[in-house]
PDB file of N, CA and C in Angstrom:
ATOM      1  N   MET A   1      41.793   7.783 -30.224  1.00  0.00           N
ATOM      2  CA  MET A   1      41.797   6.991 -31.389  1.00  0.00           C
ATOM      3  C   MET A   1      41.016   5.860 -31.814  1.00  0.00           C
ATOM      4  N   THR A   2      40.390   5.211 -32.142  1.00  0.00           N
ATOM      5  CA  THR A   2      40.198   3.735 -32.470  1.00  0.00           C
ATOM      6  C   THR A   2      39.727   3.328 -34.139  1.00  0.00           C
ATOM      7  N   ILE A   3      40.945   2.311 -34.408  1.00  0.00           N
ATOM      8  CA  ILE A   3      40.467   1.973 -35.512  1.00  0.00           C
ATOM      9  C   ILE A   3      39.803   0.867 -35.774  1.00  0.00           C
ATOM     10  N   LEU A   4      38.834   0.898 -36.988  1.00  0.00           N
ATOM     11  CA  LEU A   4      37.688   0.406 -37.296  1.00  0.00           C
ATOM     12  C   LEU A   4      38.003  -0.267 -37.974  1.00  0.00           C
ATOM     13  N   THR A   5      38.624  -0.187 -39.155  1.00  0.00           N
ATOM     14  CA  THR A   5      39.087  -1.632 -39.993  1.00  0.00           C
ATOM     15  C   THR A   5      40.599  -1.487 -40.777  1.00  0.00           C
ATOM     16  N   VAL A   6      41.007  -2.574 -41.047  1.00  0.00           N
ATOM     17  CA  VAL A   6      42.178  -2.273 -41.876  1.00  0.00           C
ATOM     18  C   VAL A   6      42.393  -2.708 -42.658  1.00  0.00           C
ATOM     19  N   MET A   7      42.993  -1.934 -44.388  1.00  0.00           N
ATOM     20  CA  MET A   7      42.834  -2.384 -45.351  1.00  0.00           C
ATOM     21  C   MET A   7      44.135  -1.897 -45.957  1.00  0.00           C
ATOM     22  N   GLY A   8      44.796  -2.897 -46.353  1.00  0.00           N
ATOM     23  CA  GLY A   8      45.978  -2.672 -47.372  1.00  0.00           C
ATOM     24  C   GLY A   8      46.779  -2.615 -46.423  1.00  0.00           C
ATOM     25  N   ASP A   9      47.558  -1.147 -46.326  1.00  0.00           N
ATOM     26  CA  ASP A   9      48.426  -0.230 -45.474  1.00  0.00           C
ATOM     27  C   ASP A   9      47.514   0.753 -44.926  1.00  0.00           C
ATOM     28  N   GLU A  10      46.591   1.225 -44.865  1.00  0.00           N
ATOM     29  CA  GLU A  10      45.652   1.995 -44.027  1.00  0.00           C
ATOM     30  C   GLU A  10      44.833   1.255 -43.292  1.00  0.00           C
ATOM     31  N   ALA A  11      44.647   2.287 -42.287  1.00  0.00           N
ATOM     32  CA  ALA A  11      43.457   2.053 -41.154  1.00  0.00           C
ATOM     33  C   ALA A  11      42.507   2.988 -41.432  1.00  0.00           C
ATOM     34  N   GLU A  12      40.939   2.547 -40.778  1.00  0.00           N
ATOM     35  CA  GLU A  12      39.808   3.629 -40.642  1.00  0.00           C
ATOM     36  C   GLU A  12      39.632   3.491 -39.747  1.00  0.00           C
ATOM     37  N   CYS A  13      39.925   5.061 -39.070  1.00  0.00           N
ATOM     38  CA  CYS A  13      39.847   5.674 -37.597  1.00  0.00           C
ATOM     39  C   CYS A  13      38.982   6.335 -37.537  1.00  0.00           C
ATOM     40  N   ILE A  14      38.242   6.579 -36.037  1.00  0.00           N
ATOM     41  CA  ILE A  14      37.569   7.142 -35.690  1.00  0.00           C
ATOM     42  C   ILE A  14      37.804   8.157 -34.381  1.00  0.00           C
ATOM     43  N   TRP A  15      37.787   9.252 -33.833  1.00  0.00           N
ATOM     44  CA  TRP A  15      37.731   9.679 -32.774  1.00  0.00           C
ATOM     45  C   TRP A  15      37.166  10.897 -32.793  1.00  0.00           C
ATOM     46  N   PHE A  16      37.142  11.597 -31.115  1.00  0.00           N
ATOM     47  CA  PHE A  16      36.419  12.850 -30.844  1.00  0.00           C
ATOM     48  C   PHE A  16      37.099  13.785 -30.749  1.00  0.00           C
ATOM     49  N   ILE A  17      36.599  15.289 -31.481  1.00  0.00           N
ATOM     50  CA  ILE A  17      36.936  16.112 -30.804  1.00  0.00           C
ATOM     51  C   ILE A  17      35.806  17.096 -30.491  1.00  0.00           C
ATOM     52  N   ASN A  18      36.096  18.121 -29.359  1.00  0.00           N
ATOM     53  CA  ASN A  18      34.711  18.769 -28.710  1.00  0.00           C
ATOM     54  C   ASN A  18      33.576  17.804 -28.840  1.00  0.00           C
ATOM     55  N   GLY A  19      33.541  16.376 -28.420  1.00  0.00           N
ATOM     56  CA  GLY A  19      32.414  15.937 -28.699  1.00  0.00           C
ATOM     57  C   GLY A  19      31.653  15.081 -30.135  1.00  0.00           C
ATOM     58  N   GLU A  20      32.414  15.977 -30.839  1.00  0.00           N
ATOM     59  CA  GLU A  20      32.048  15.520 -32.102  1.00  0.00           C
ATOM     60  C   GLU A  20      32.946  14.227 -32.992  1.00  0.00           C
ATOM     61  N   MET A  21      32.097  13.396 -33.400  1.00  0.00           N
ATOM     62  CA  MET A  21      32.695  12.239 -33.981  1.00  0.00           C
ATOM     63  C   MET A  21      33.781  12.563 -35.323  1.00  0.00           C
ATOM     64  N   THR A  22      34.739  12.080 -35.590  1.00  0.00           N
ATOM     65  CA  THR A  22      35.684  12.191 -36.512  1.00  0.00           C
ATOM     66  C   THR A  22      36.142  10.775 -37.072  1.00  0.00           C
ATOM     67  N   LYS A  23      35.918  11.091 -38.330  1.00  0.00           N
ATOM     68  CA  LYS A  23      36.230   9.854 -39.137  1.00  0.00           C
ATOM     69  C   LYS A  23      36.853   9.921 -40.139  1.00  0.00           C
ATOM     70  N   ALA A  24      38.350   9.169 -40.451  1.00  0.00           N
ATOM     71  CA  ALA A  24      39.275   9.264 -41.875  1.00  0.00           C
ATOM     72  C   ALA A  24      39.929   7.872 -41.990  1.00  0.00           C
ATOM     73  N   THR A  25      40.061   7.776 -42.921  1.00  0.00           N
ATOM     74  CA  THR A  25      41.308   6.559 -43.575  1.00  0.00           C
ATOM     75  C   THR A  25      42.439   7.184 -43.488  1.00  0.00           C
ATOM     76  N   VAL A  26      43.365   6.418 -42.997  1.00  0.00           N
ATOM     77  CA  VAL A  26      45.003   6.738 -42.669  1.00  0.00           C
ATOM     78  C   VAL A  26      45.843   6.115 -42.922  1.00  0.00           C
ATOM     79  N   PRO A  27      46.839   6.205 -43.670  1.00  0.00           N
ATOM     80  CA  PRO A  27      48.131   5.216 -43.802  1.00  0.00           C
ATOM     81  C   PRO A  27      48.467   4.749 -42.402  1.00  0.00           C
ATOM     82  N   PHE A  28      49.332   4.061 -41.992  1.00  0.00           N
ATOM     83  CA  PHE A  28      49.853   3.424 -40.934  1.00  0.00           C
ATOM     84  C   PHE A  28      50.804   4.031 -40.519  1.00  0.00           C
ATOM     85  N   HIS A  29      51.934   4.807 -41.260  1.00  0.00           N
ATOM     86  CA  HIS A  29      53.083   5.498 -41.208  1.00  0.00           C
ATOM     87  C   HIS A  29      52.664   7.016 -40.045  1.00  0.00           C
ATOM     88  N   ALA A  30      51.140   7.081 -40.879  1.00  0.00           N
ATOM     89  CA  ALA A  30      50.483   8.407 -39.976  1.00  0.00           C
ATOM     90  C   ALA A  30      50.339   7.822 -38.750  1.00  0.00           C
ATOM     91  N   LEU A  31      49.859   6.782 -38.722  1.00  0.00           N
ATOM     92  CA  LEU A  31      49.121   6.675 -36.822  1.00  0.00           C
ATOM     93  C   LEU A  31      50.739   6.679 -36.289  1.00  0.00           C
ATOM     94  N   ARG A  32      51.871   6.303 -36.552  1.00  0.00           N
ATOM     95  CA  ARG A  32      53.077   6.533 -36.046  1.00  0.00           C
ATOM     96  C   ARG A  32      53.637   8.004 -35.472  1.00  0.00           C
ATOM     97  N   TYR A  33      53.112   9.026 -36.515  1.00  0.00           N
ATOM     98  CA  TYR A  33      52.667  10.042 -36.505  1.00  0.00           C
ATOM     99  C   TYR A  33      52.818  10.511 -35.341  1.00  0.00           C
ATOM    100  N   LEU A  34      50.965  10.026 -35.409  1.00  0.00           N
ATOM    101  CA  LEU A  34      49.989  10.455 -34.309  1.00  0.00           C
ATOM    102  C   LEU A  34      50.231  10.187 -32.874  1.00  0.00           C
ATOM    103  N   ASP A  35      50.732   8.894 -32.830  1.00  0.00           N
ATOM    104  CA  ASP A  35      51.222   8.425 -31.399  1.00  0.00           C
ATOM    105  C   ASP A  35      52.045   9.225 -31.103  1.00  0.00           C
ATOM    106  N   LEU A  36      53.292   9.662 -31.926  1.00  0.00           N
ATOM    107  CA  LEU A  36      54.280  10.472 -31.244  1.00  0.00           C
ATOM    108  C   LEU A  36      54.133  11.867 -30.501  1.00  0.00           C
ATOM    109  N   ILE A  37      52.425  12.378 -31.360  1.00  0.00           N
ATOM    110  CA  ILE A  37      52.285  14.034 -30.995  1.00  0.00           C
ATOM    111  C   ILE A  37      51.582  13.719 -30.128  1.00  0.00           C
ATOM    112  N   GLY A  38      50.981  12.270 -29.514  1.00  0.00           N
ATOM    113  CA  GLY A  38      50.179  12.225 -28.396  1.00  0.00           C
ATOM    114  C   GLY A  38      50.963  12.281 -27.223  1.00  0.00           C
ATOM    115  N   ILE A  39      52.001  11.319 -27.337  1.00  0.00           N
ATOM    116  CA  ILE A  39      53.514  11.352 -26.375  1.00  0.00           C
ATOM    117  C   ILE A  39      53.769  12.730 -25.843  1.00  0.00           C
ATOM    118  N   VAL A  40      54.156  13.626 -27.099  1.00  0.00           N
ATOM    119  CA  VAL A  40      54.790  14.889 -26.342  1.00  0.00           C
ATOM    120  C   VAL A  40      53.870  15.777 -25.514  1.00  0.00           C
ATOM    121  N   CYS A  41      52.034  15.721 -26.627  1.00  0.00           N
ATOM    122  CA  CYS A  41      51.491  16.454 -25.526  1.00  0.00           C
ATOM    123  C   CYS A  41      51.374  15.965 -24.300  1.00  0.00           C
ATOM    124  N   ARG A  42      51.044  14.971 -24.218  1.00  0.00           N
ATOM    125  CA  ARG A  42      50.981  14.444 -22.974  1.00  0.00           C
ATOM    126  C   ARG A  42      51.833  14.904 -21.875  1.00  0.00           C
ATOM    127  N   TRP A  43      53.169  14.962 -22.502  1.00  0.00           N
ATOM    128  CA  TRP A  43      54.413  15.253 -21.468  1.00  0.00           C
ATOM    129  C   TRP A  43      54.171  17.030 -21.323  1.00  0.00           C
ATOM    130  N   PHE A  44      53.837  17.728 -21.960  1.00  0.00           N
ATOM    131  CA  PHE A  44      53.935  18.719 -22.123  1.00  0.00           C
ATOM    132  C   PHE A  44      52.472  19.138 -21.040  1.00  0.00           C
ATOM    133  N   THR A  45      51.637  18.793 -20.806  1.00  0.00           N
ATOM    134  CA  THR A  45      50.416  18.556 -19.970  1.00  0.00           C
ATOM    135  C   THR A  45      50.461  18.188 -18.709  1.00  0.00           C
ATOM    136  N   SER A  46      51.187  17.046 -18.602  1.00  0.00           N
ATOM    137  CA  SER A  46      51.184  16.224 -17.339  1.00  0.00           C
ATOM    138  C   SER A  46      51.820  17.233 -16.030  1.00  0.00           C
ATOM    139  N   ASP A  47      51.233  16.986 -15.153  1.00  0.00           N
ATOM    140  CA  ASP A  47      51.544  18.265 -14.199  1.00  0.00           C
ATOM    141  C   ASP A  47      52.833  17.481 -13.332  1.00  0.00           C
TER     142      ASP A  47
END
């Protein structure tokens, strides 16, 4: 996920799912939640 712009307490982000670009504006507290999900997913899928 890449943050494109910051507007107040929200960030415009892009990321790729199965090679397709997805774009959304999300509040900062959601970014912290998404970071936690990424950490847990890496922990479960690491060898």
